[in-house]
Protein backbone atom coordinates (compact mmCIF):
# COMPACT_ATOMS: atom_id res chain seq x y z
CA VAL A 1 -5.78 -13.08 -40.03
CA LEU A 2 -9.14 -11.60 -39.17
CA GLU A 3 -10.10 -8.75 -41.46
CA ILE A 4 -12.64 -6.23 -40.27
CA ASP A 5 -13.82 -3.31 -42.30
CA GLY A 6 -15.73 -0.31 -41.02
CA SER A 7 -19.11 -1.89 -41.70
CA ASP A 8 -18.32 -4.71 -39.24
CA ALA A 9 -17.69 -2.31 -36.39
CA GLY A 10 -21.34 -1.31 -35.92
CA ASP A 11 -22.52 2.18 -35.07
CA PHE A 12 -19.57 3.27 -32.96
CA ASP A 13 -19.42 7.02 -33.46
CA ILE A 14 -16.43 9.18 -32.58
CA GLU A 15 -17.92 10.24 -29.22
CA SER A 16 -18.51 6.61 -28.18
CA SER A 17 -15.00 5.73 -29.27
CA LYS A 18 -13.56 8.55 -27.14
CA LYS A 19 -15.58 7.40 -24.12
CA ALA A 20 -14.39 3.80 -24.57
CA LYS A 21 -10.74 4.91 -24.76
CA GLU A 22 -11.22 7.14 -21.72
CA SER A 23 -12.70 4.21 -19.77
CA LEU A 24 -9.63 2.10 -20.51
CA LYS A 25 -7.41 4.83 -19.03
CA CYS A 26 -9.58 5.16 -15.92
CA GLU A 27 -8.06 4.27 -12.55
CA LEU A 28 -10.06 3.27 -9.48
CA THR A 29 -9.55 4.31 -5.88
CA THR A 30 -10.20 1.86 -3.06
CA VAL A 31 -13.64 3.43 -2.54
CA GLU A 32 -14.55 3.06 -6.23
CA PHE A 33 -13.21 -0.51 -6.27
CA ALA A 34 -15.33 -1.47 -3.25
CA ASP A 35 -18.36 0.21 -4.80
CA ALA A 36 -17.85 -1.67 -8.08
CA LEU A 37 -17.81 -4.97 -6.18
CA GLY A 38 -20.78 -4.01 -4.02
CA LEU A 39 -18.70 -4.21 -0.82
CA LYS A 40 -17.93 -1.86 2.07
CA GLU A 41 -14.95 0.36 1.35
CA ASN A 42 -13.33 -0.19 4.73
CA SER A 43 -13.63 -3.98 4.78
CA MET A 44 -10.48 -6.03 5.29
CA PHE A 45 -11.38 -8.08 2.20
CA VAL A 46 -11.47 -4.96 -0.01
CA GLU A 47 -8.19 -3.68 1.45
CA GLN A 48 -6.41 -7.00 0.87
CA MET A 49 -7.87 -7.46 -2.62
CA PHE A 50 -7.01 -3.89 -3.63
CA SER A 51 -3.47 -4.25 -2.31
CA LEU A 52 -2.94 -7.46 -4.28
CA ALA A 53 -4.49 -6.06 -7.48
CA ASP A 54 -2.49 -2.80 -7.36
CA LYS A 55 0.56 -4.38 -8.97
CA ASP A 56 2.38 -1.11 -9.63
CA GLY A 57 1.72 0.12 -6.09
CA ASN A 58 0.48 3.56 -7.14
CA GLY A 59 -2.65 3.45 -4.93
CA TYR A 60 -5.01 3.13 -7.91
CA LEU A 61 -6.24 0.21 -9.99
CA SER A 62 -5.85 0.50 -13.72
CA PHE A 63 -8.48 -1.11 -15.93
CA ARG A 64 -6.06 -3.99 -16.54
CA GLU A 65 -5.33 -4.52 -12.84
CA PHE A 66 -9.06 -4.50 -12.06
CA LEU A 67 -9.83 -6.88 -14.91
CA ASP A 68 -7.12 -9.36 -13.86
CA ILE A 69 -8.77 -9.78 -10.44
CA PHE A 70 -12.36 -9.49 -11.61
CA VAL A 71 -12.04 -12.30 -14.17
CA ILE A 72 -10.75 -14.70 -11.50
CA LEU A 73 -13.52 -13.71 -9.08
CA MET A 74 -16.26 -14.05 -11.69
CA LYS A 75 -15.10 -16.94 -13.85
CA GLY A 76 -12.12 -18.52 -12.11
CA SER A 77 -11.94 -22.16 -11.13
CA PRO A 78 -11.95 -23.10 -7.43
CA GLU A 79 -8.17 -23.58 -7.70
CA GLU A 80 -7.66 -20.10 -9.20
CA LYS A 81 -9.87 -18.53 -6.53
CA SER A 82 -7.99 -20.45 -3.85
CA LYS A 83 -4.63 -19.18 -5.17
CA LEU A 84 -5.99 -15.64 -5.22
CA MET A 85 -7.25 -15.88 -1.63
CA PHE A 86 -3.94 -17.36 -0.50
CA ALA A 87 -1.99 -14.56 -2.16
CA MET A 88 -4.32 -11.94 -0.64
CA TYR A 89 -3.72 -13.13 2.91
CA ASP A 90 -0.09 -14.19 2.67
CA VAL A 91 0.50 -10.64 3.85
CA ASP A 92 4.26 -10.93 4.32
CA GLY A 93 4.70 -12.65 0.92
CA SER A 94 6.52 -15.60 2.51
CA GLY A 95 4.78 -18.24 0.39
CA SER A 96 3.18 -19.66 3.51
CA MET A 97 0.21 -18.56 5.57
CA SER A 98 0.52 -18.26 9.32
CA LYS A 99 -2.38 -19.02 11.62
CA GLU A 100 -2.71 -15.27 12.22
CA GLU A 101 -2.97 -14.61 8.46
CA PHE A 102 -5.50 -17.45 8.14
CA SER A 103 -7.47 -15.96 11.03
CA GLN A 104 -7.52 -12.61 9.18
CA LEU A 105 -8.90 -14.37 6.11
CA LEU A 106 -11.71 -15.94 8.14
CA ARG A 107 -12.50 -12.61 9.83
CA SER A 108 -12.72 -10.85 6.47
CA PHE A 109 -15.02 -13.53 5.03
CA ILE A 110 -17.29 -13.21 8.04
CA GLU A 111 -17.14 -9.41 7.78
CA ILE A 112 -18.27 -9.33 4.13
CA SER A 113 -21.17 -11.64 4.94
CA ASN A 114 -22.28 -8.94 7.43
CA ASP A 115 -21.83 -11.23 10.40
CA CYS A 116 -19.69 -10.48 13.39
CA LEU A 117 -18.05 -13.18 15.46
CA PRO A 118 -15.80 -12.69 18.45
CA LYS A 119 -12.10 -13.38 17.87
CA GLU A 120 -12.32 -16.43 20.16
CA GLN A 121 -15.02 -18.00 17.97
CA ILE A 122 -12.97 -17.36 14.84
CA GLU A 123 -9.93 -18.96 16.51
CA ASN A 124 -12.07 -22.00 17.43
CA MET A 125 -13.30 -22.25 13.83
CA MET A 126 -9.75 -22.05 12.49
CA ASN A 127 -8.46 -24.66 14.96
CA SER A 128 -11.34 -26.97 14.04
CA MET A 129 -10.56 -26.61 10.31
CA PHE A 130 -6.85 -27.25 10.92
CA LYS A 131 -7.61 -30.30 13.08
CA HIS A 132 -10.08 -31.74 10.55
CA ALA A 133 -7.40 -31.44 7.84
CA GLY A 134 -4.68 -32.92 10.09
CA PHE A 135 -2.80 -29.62 10.41
CA GLU A 136 -3.39 -28.98 14.12
CA ASP A 137 0.36 -28.97 14.87
CA LYS A 138 1.24 -26.54 12.09
CA GLU A 139 1.81 -22.85 12.69
CA GLU A 140 2.04 -22.10 8.95
CA ILE A 141 0.59 -23.75 5.85
CA MET A 142 1.60 -23.68 2.20
CA TRP A 143 -0.87 -23.06 -0.65
CA GLU A 144 -1.42 -26.79 -1.25
CA GLU A 145 -2.42 -27.23 2.37
CA PHE A 146 -4.58 -24.11 2.24
CA HIS A 147 -6.31 -25.50 -0.84
CA CYS A 148 -6.77 -28.81 0.98
CA LEU A 149 -8.59 -27.01 3.82
CA PHE A 150 -11.23 -25.92 1.33
CA ARG A 151 -11.46 -29.14 -0.71
CA ASP A 152 -14.84 -29.97 0.82
CA HIS A 153 -16.12 -26.57 -0.23
CA TYR A 154 -15.33 -26.58 -3.96
CA GLN A 155 -18.95 -25.98 -4.90
CA GLU A 156 -19.15 -22.90 -2.67
CA MET A 157 -15.88 -21.61 -4.16
CA GLU A 158 -17.21 -22.22 -7.65
CA LEU A 159 -20.28 -20.16 -6.80
CA SER A 160 -18.46 -17.52 -4.77
CA GLN A 161 -18.21 -14.32 -6.70
CA PRO A 162 -18.93 -10.71 -6.00
CA ASN A 163 -22.22 -9.10 -6.88
CA PRO A 164 -21.02 -6.03 -8.76
CA LYS A 165 -23.28 -3.05 -9.28
CA GLY A 166 -25.50 -3.41 -12.30
CA ARG A 167 -25.18 -7.19 -12.46
CA GLN A 168 -28.49 -8.95 -12.73
CA THR A 169 -28.97 -12.10 -10.70
CA PHE A 170 -31.51 -14.68 -11.73
């Protein structure tokens, strides 16, 4: 058992303690969530991420809900990030991702990189990825197949993380 007395706690006055407790009770709106991640509030990525993170469905993210997602984005393995992305875009919760859902995922990735591609080009990209992985005849894929599509991009997934406000990059 770890024993901590008052002298181990540092200079944490009553006002700081109140602010810390208040922060833990704070809930974020979609706009605040997007701002915290340094993304546009109306992006499809933010909407999907917020919807997935809002586990109680109250339209706000508690500190815990935010932290659960943020830890995966910042420190998660490629597999954890892949599972998160799959869950975000398996919109109907079927456990499989349709080509339309996969197309939405690609569009949102392109959107957050501030690029804009026509729907036809996104469809061509998706079909090329499916063909390369041997899935050209599939209309839906499971998570394992989704993860397989990105197996050649593990390094990018390892490095992919948001650039939240206040975070210093070196």
